[in-house]
Amino acid sequence: MRKMKGGRTLGYKPYSAGDMKHVGWCLNNNIGVCAIPDWKTPTAWNIIVRIGTTYHPDPKGYTAPDAINKIYEYYEYYYKKGI
């Protein structure tokens, strides 16, 4: 049997009530934000924003803590924009 390759995790960031308000609104309006590992580097993460069925990758790479913060920034941005 093949040995499983190790994965990566972003870690954890405590969220505020405001963060959850932004995330909830976005998810209810078919907007999602996620981070995926950039396997070409040992620590970089890429952010992808999905609006409906269209995917928009962020061209910048992020460290894990920065990626978590950026995800919440995107949720807040789209909440305030009110697409």
N, C-alpha and C. Protein backbone atom coordinates (compact mmCIF):
# COMPACT_ATOMS: atom_id res chain seq x y z
N MET A 1 0.84 -1.18 0.00
CA MET A 1 0.00 0.00 0.00
C MET A 1 0.89 1.25 0.00
N ARG A 2 0.47 2.26 -0.78
CA ARG A 2 1.23 3.49 -0.87
C ARG A 2 1.08 4.35 0.37
N LYS A 3 2.17 4.96 0.78
CA LYS A 3 2.14 5.85 1.93
C LYS A 3 1.55 7.19 1.50
N MET A 4 0.65 7.73 2.31
CA MET A 4 0.02 9.02 2.01
C MET A 4 1.05 10.14 2.14
N LYS A 5 0.98 11.08 1.22
CA LYS A 5 1.84 12.24 1.27
C LYS A 5 1.29 13.23 2.28
N GLY A 6 2.16 13.87 3.03
CA GLY A 6 1.72 14.84 4.03
C GLY A 6 1.06 16.05 3.39
N GLY A 7 0.17 16.68 4.12
CA GLY A 7 -0.53 17.85 3.61
C GLY A 7 -0.10 19.11 4.33
N ARG A 8 -0.82 20.17 4.06
CA ARG A 8 -0.56 21.46 4.70
C ARG A 8 -1.87 22.00 5.25
N THR A 9 -1.74 22.80 6.25
CA THR A 9 -2.92 23.45 6.82
C THR A 9 -2.64 24.94 7.00
N LEU A 10 -3.67 25.74 6.83
CA LEU A 10 -3.53 27.18 7.05
C LEU A 10 -3.39 27.52 8.52
N GLY A 11 -3.88 26.65 9.35
CA GLY A 11 -3.89 26.96 10.77
C GLY A 11 -5.26 27.48 11.17
N TYR A 12 -5.30 28.26 12.22
CA TYR A 12 -6.57 28.71 12.78
C TYR A 12 -6.48 30.18 13.14
N LYS A 13 -7.55 30.89 12.89
CA LYS A 13 -7.67 32.28 13.31
C LYS A 13 -9.03 32.45 13.96
N PRO A 14 -9.08 32.93 15.18
CA PRO A 14 -10.39 33.19 15.79
C PRO A 14 -11.14 34.24 14.96
N TYR A 15 -12.40 34.01 14.72
CA TYR A 15 -13.17 34.95 13.92
C TYR A 15 -14.11 35.74 14.81
N SER A 16 -14.48 36.91 14.31
CA SER A 16 -15.38 37.78 15.06
C SER A 16 -16.81 37.60 14.53
N ALA A 17 -17.75 38.18 15.23
CA ALA A 17 -19.14 38.14 14.76
C ALA A 17 -19.26 38.85 13.42
N GLY A 18 -18.50 39.93 13.24
CA GLY A 18 -18.50 40.64 11.97
C GLY A 18 -17.97 39.78 10.83
N ASP A 19 -16.89 39.02 11.11
CA ASP A 19 -16.35 38.10 10.10
C ASP A 19 -17.42 37.11 9.66
N MET A 20 -18.13 36.54 10.61
CA MET A 20 -19.14 35.55 10.26
C MET A 20 -20.33 36.16 9.53
N LYS A 21 -20.63 37.43 9.84
CA LYS A 21 -21.70 38.13 9.12
C LYS A 21 -21.30 38.27 7.65
N HIS A 22 -20.05 38.65 7.40
CA HIS A 22 -19.55 38.82 6.03
C HIS A 22 -19.52 37.48 5.30
N VAL A 23 -19.00 36.45 5.94
CA VAL A 23 -18.91 35.13 5.33
C VAL A 23 -20.32 34.60 5.02
N GLY A 24 -21.23 34.71 5.97
CA GLY A 24 -22.59 34.22 5.78
C GLY A 24 -23.28 34.90 4.62
N TRP A 25 -23.13 36.22 4.53
CA TRP A 25 -23.75 36.95 3.42
C TRP A 25 -23.18 36.48 2.09
N CYS A 26 -21.86 36.35 2.02
CA CYS A 26 -21.22 35.93 0.78
C CYS A 26 -21.68 34.53 0.37
N LEU A 27 -21.69 33.59 1.29
CA LEU A 27 -22.09 32.24 0.97
C LEU A 27 -23.54 32.19 0.51
N ASN A 28 -24.40 32.98 1.15
CA ASN A 28 -25.81 33.04 0.73
C ASN A 28 -25.98 33.67 -0.65
N ASN A 29 -24.98 34.43 -1.09
CA ASN A 29 -25.02 35.07 -2.40
C ASN A 29 -24.07 34.42 -3.40
N ASN A 30 -23.74 33.17 -3.14
CA ASN A 30 -22.94 32.34 -4.05
C ASN A 30 -21.54 32.89 -4.31
N ILE A 31 -20.92 33.43 -3.25
CA ILE A 31 -19.54 33.91 -3.32
C ILE A 31 -18.74 33.11 -2.30
N GLY A 32 -17.65 32.51 -2.75
CA GLY A 32 -16.80 31.74 -1.85
C GLY A 32 -15.34 32.12 -2.04
N VAL A 33 -14.58 32.00 -0.98
CA VAL A 33 -13.15 32.31 -1.03
C VAL A 33 -12.41 31.14 -0.38
N CYS A 34 -11.37 30.67 -1.03
CA CYS A 34 -10.60 29.57 -0.44
C CYS A 34 -9.12 29.76 -0.71
N ALA A 35 -8.32 29.07 0.07
CA ALA A 35 -6.87 29.06 -0.11
C ALA A 35 -6.46 27.64 -0.46
N ILE A 36 -5.60 27.52 -1.45
CA ILE A 36 -5.07 26.21 -1.82
C ILE A 36 -3.54 26.28 -1.78
N PRO A 37 -2.90 25.19 -1.40
CA PRO A 37 -1.44 25.23 -1.33
C PRO A 37 -0.81 25.37 -2.71
N ASP A 38 0.26 26.12 -2.77
CA ASP A 38 1.08 26.19 -3.97
C ASP A 38 2.19 25.15 -3.78
N TRP A 39 2.01 24.00 -4.38
CA TRP A 39 2.92 22.88 -4.13
C TRP A 39 4.31 23.10 -4.73
N LYS A 40 4.50 24.17 -5.50
CA LYS A 40 5.82 24.47 -6.06
C LYS A 40 6.74 25.07 -5.00
N THR A 41 6.16 25.55 -3.92
CA THR A 41 6.93 26.14 -2.83
C THR A 41 6.56 25.45 -1.52
N PRO A 42 7.43 25.50 -0.53
CA PRO A 42 7.13 24.80 0.73
C PRO A 42 6.12 25.50 1.63
N THR A 43 5.88 26.81 1.42
CA THR A 43 5.01 27.52 2.36
C THR A 43 3.95 28.42 1.72
N ALA A 44 3.96 28.61 0.42
CA ALA A 44 3.05 29.57 -0.22
C ALA A 44 1.65 29.00 -0.40
N TRP A 45 0.68 29.91 -0.36
CA TRP A 45 -0.74 29.59 -0.58
C TRP A 45 -1.30 30.52 -1.64
N ASN A 46 -2.24 30.03 -2.42
CA ASN A 46 -2.94 30.83 -3.43
C ASN A 46 -4.39 30.99 -3.00
N ILE A 47 -4.97 32.16 -3.29
CA ILE A 47 -6.35 32.46 -2.94
C ILE A 47 -7.18 32.42 -4.23
N ILE A 48 -8.35 31.80 -4.15
CA ILE A 48 -9.27 31.77 -5.27
C ILE A 48 -10.63 32.26 -4.79
N VAL A 49 -11.20 33.21 -5.54
CA VAL A 49 -12.53 33.74 -5.25
C VAL A 49 -13.48 33.18 -6.30
N ARG A 50 -14.59 32.59 -5.83
CA ARG A 50 -15.61 32.07 -6.75
C ARG A 50 -16.86 32.93 -6.62
N ILE A 51 -17.28 33.48 -7.75
CA ILE A 51 -18.52 34.25 -7.80
C ILE A 51 -19.41 33.53 -8.80
N GLY A 52 -20.46 32.91 -8.30
CA GLY A 52 -21.31 32.09 -9.15
C GLY A 52 -20.52 30.90 -9.66
N THR A 53 -20.34 30.80 -10.96
CA THR A 53 -19.57 29.69 -11.54
C THR A 53 -18.24 30.17 -12.11
N THR A 54 -17.87 31.41 -11.81
CA THR A 54 -16.62 31.98 -12.31
C THR A 54 -15.59 32.02 -11.19
N TYR A 55 -14.37 31.58 -11.52
CA TYR A 55 -13.28 31.54 -10.55
C TYR A 55 -12.27 32.64 -10.87
N HIS A 56 -11.84 33.35 -9.83
CA HIS A 56 -10.90 34.45 -9.98
C HIS A 56 -9.71 34.21 -9.05
N PRO A 57 -8.57 33.74 -9.59
CA PRO A 57 -7.41 33.52 -8.74
C PRO A 57 -6.71 34.84 -8.41
N ASP A 58 -6.28 34.98 -7.19
CA ASP A 58 -5.47 36.12 -6.79
C ASP A 58 -4.06 35.84 -7.30
N PRO A 59 -3.44 36.76 -8.03
CA PRO A 59 -2.13 36.48 -8.61
C PRO A 59 -0.99 36.41 -7.60
N LYS A 60 -1.21 36.91 -6.42
CA LYS A 60 -0.17 36.94 -5.40
C LYS A 60 -0.18 35.66 -4.57
N GLY A 61 0.99 35.22 -4.13
CA GLY A 61 1.10 34.11 -3.19
C GLY A 61 1.17 34.63 -1.77
N TYR A 62 0.69 33.86 -0.82
CA TYR A 62 0.63 34.30 0.58
C TYR A 62 1.21 33.25 1.51
N THR A 63 1.70 33.69 2.66
CA THR A 63 2.05 32.76 3.72
C THR A 63 0.73 32.33 4.38
N ALA A 64 0.76 31.29 5.19
CA ALA A 64 -0.47 30.80 5.82
C ALA A 64 -1.19 31.88 6.63
N PRO A 65 -0.51 32.59 7.55
CA PRO A 65 -1.23 33.61 8.32
C PRO A 65 -1.78 34.73 7.43
N ASP A 66 -1.03 35.13 6.42
CA ASP A 66 -1.49 36.18 5.52
C ASP A 66 -2.67 35.70 4.68
N ALA A 67 -2.66 34.43 4.29
CA ALA A 67 -3.76 33.87 3.50
C ALA A 67 -5.07 33.88 4.30
N ILE A 68 -5.00 33.50 5.56
CA ILE A 68 -6.20 33.51 6.40
C ILE A 68 -6.76 34.94 6.48
N ASN A 69 -5.89 35.89 6.73
CA ASN A 69 -6.34 37.29 6.82
C ASN A 69 -6.92 37.77 5.49
N LYS A 70 -6.30 37.38 4.38
CA LYS A 70 -6.77 37.81 3.07
C LYS A 70 -8.14 37.23 2.75
N ILE A 71 -8.38 35.99 3.16
CA ILE A 71 -9.70 35.38 2.94
C ILE A 71 -10.78 36.23 3.60
N TYR A 72 -10.56 36.61 4.87
CA TYR A 72 -11.55 37.43 5.56
C TYR A 72 -11.66 38.84 4.94
N GLU A 73 -10.53 39.37 4.43
CA GLU A 73 -10.58 40.66 3.75
C GLU A 73 -11.46 40.58 2.50
N TYR A 74 -11.32 39.50 1.73
CA TYR A 74 -12.15 39.33 0.55
C TYR A 74 -13.63 39.22 0.91
N TYR A 75 -13.94 38.44 1.93
CA TYR A 75 -15.34 38.33 2.36
C TYR A 75 -15.89 39.69 2.75
N GLU A 76 -15.12 40.46 3.50
CA GLU A 76 -15.57 41.79 3.90
C GLU A 76 -15.75 42.70 2.68
N TYR A 77 -14.82 42.62 1.74
CA TYR A 77 -14.89 43.44 0.53
C TYR A 77 -16.19 43.17 -0.24
N TYR A 78 -16.49 41.89 -0.50
CA TYR A 78 -17.68 41.57 -1.27
C TYR A 78 -18.96 41.86 -0.48
N TYR A 79 -18.91 41.69 0.83
CA TYR A 79 -20.07 42.06 1.66
C TYR A 79 -20.38 43.55 1.52
N LYS A 80 -19.34 44.38 1.64
CA LYS A 80 -19.53 45.83 1.55
C LYS A 80 -19.90 46.26 0.13
N LYS A 81 -19.36 45.55 -0.85
CA LYS A 81 -19.67 45.87 -2.24
C LYS A 81 -21.11 45.51 -2.57
N GLY A 82 -21.62 44.44 -1.93
CA GLY A 82 -23.01 44.05 -2.09
C GLY A 82 -23.37 43.63 -3.49
N ILE A 83 -22.53 42.81 -4.09
CA ILE A 83 -22.79 42.33 -5.46
C ILE A 83 -24.18 41.77 -5.59
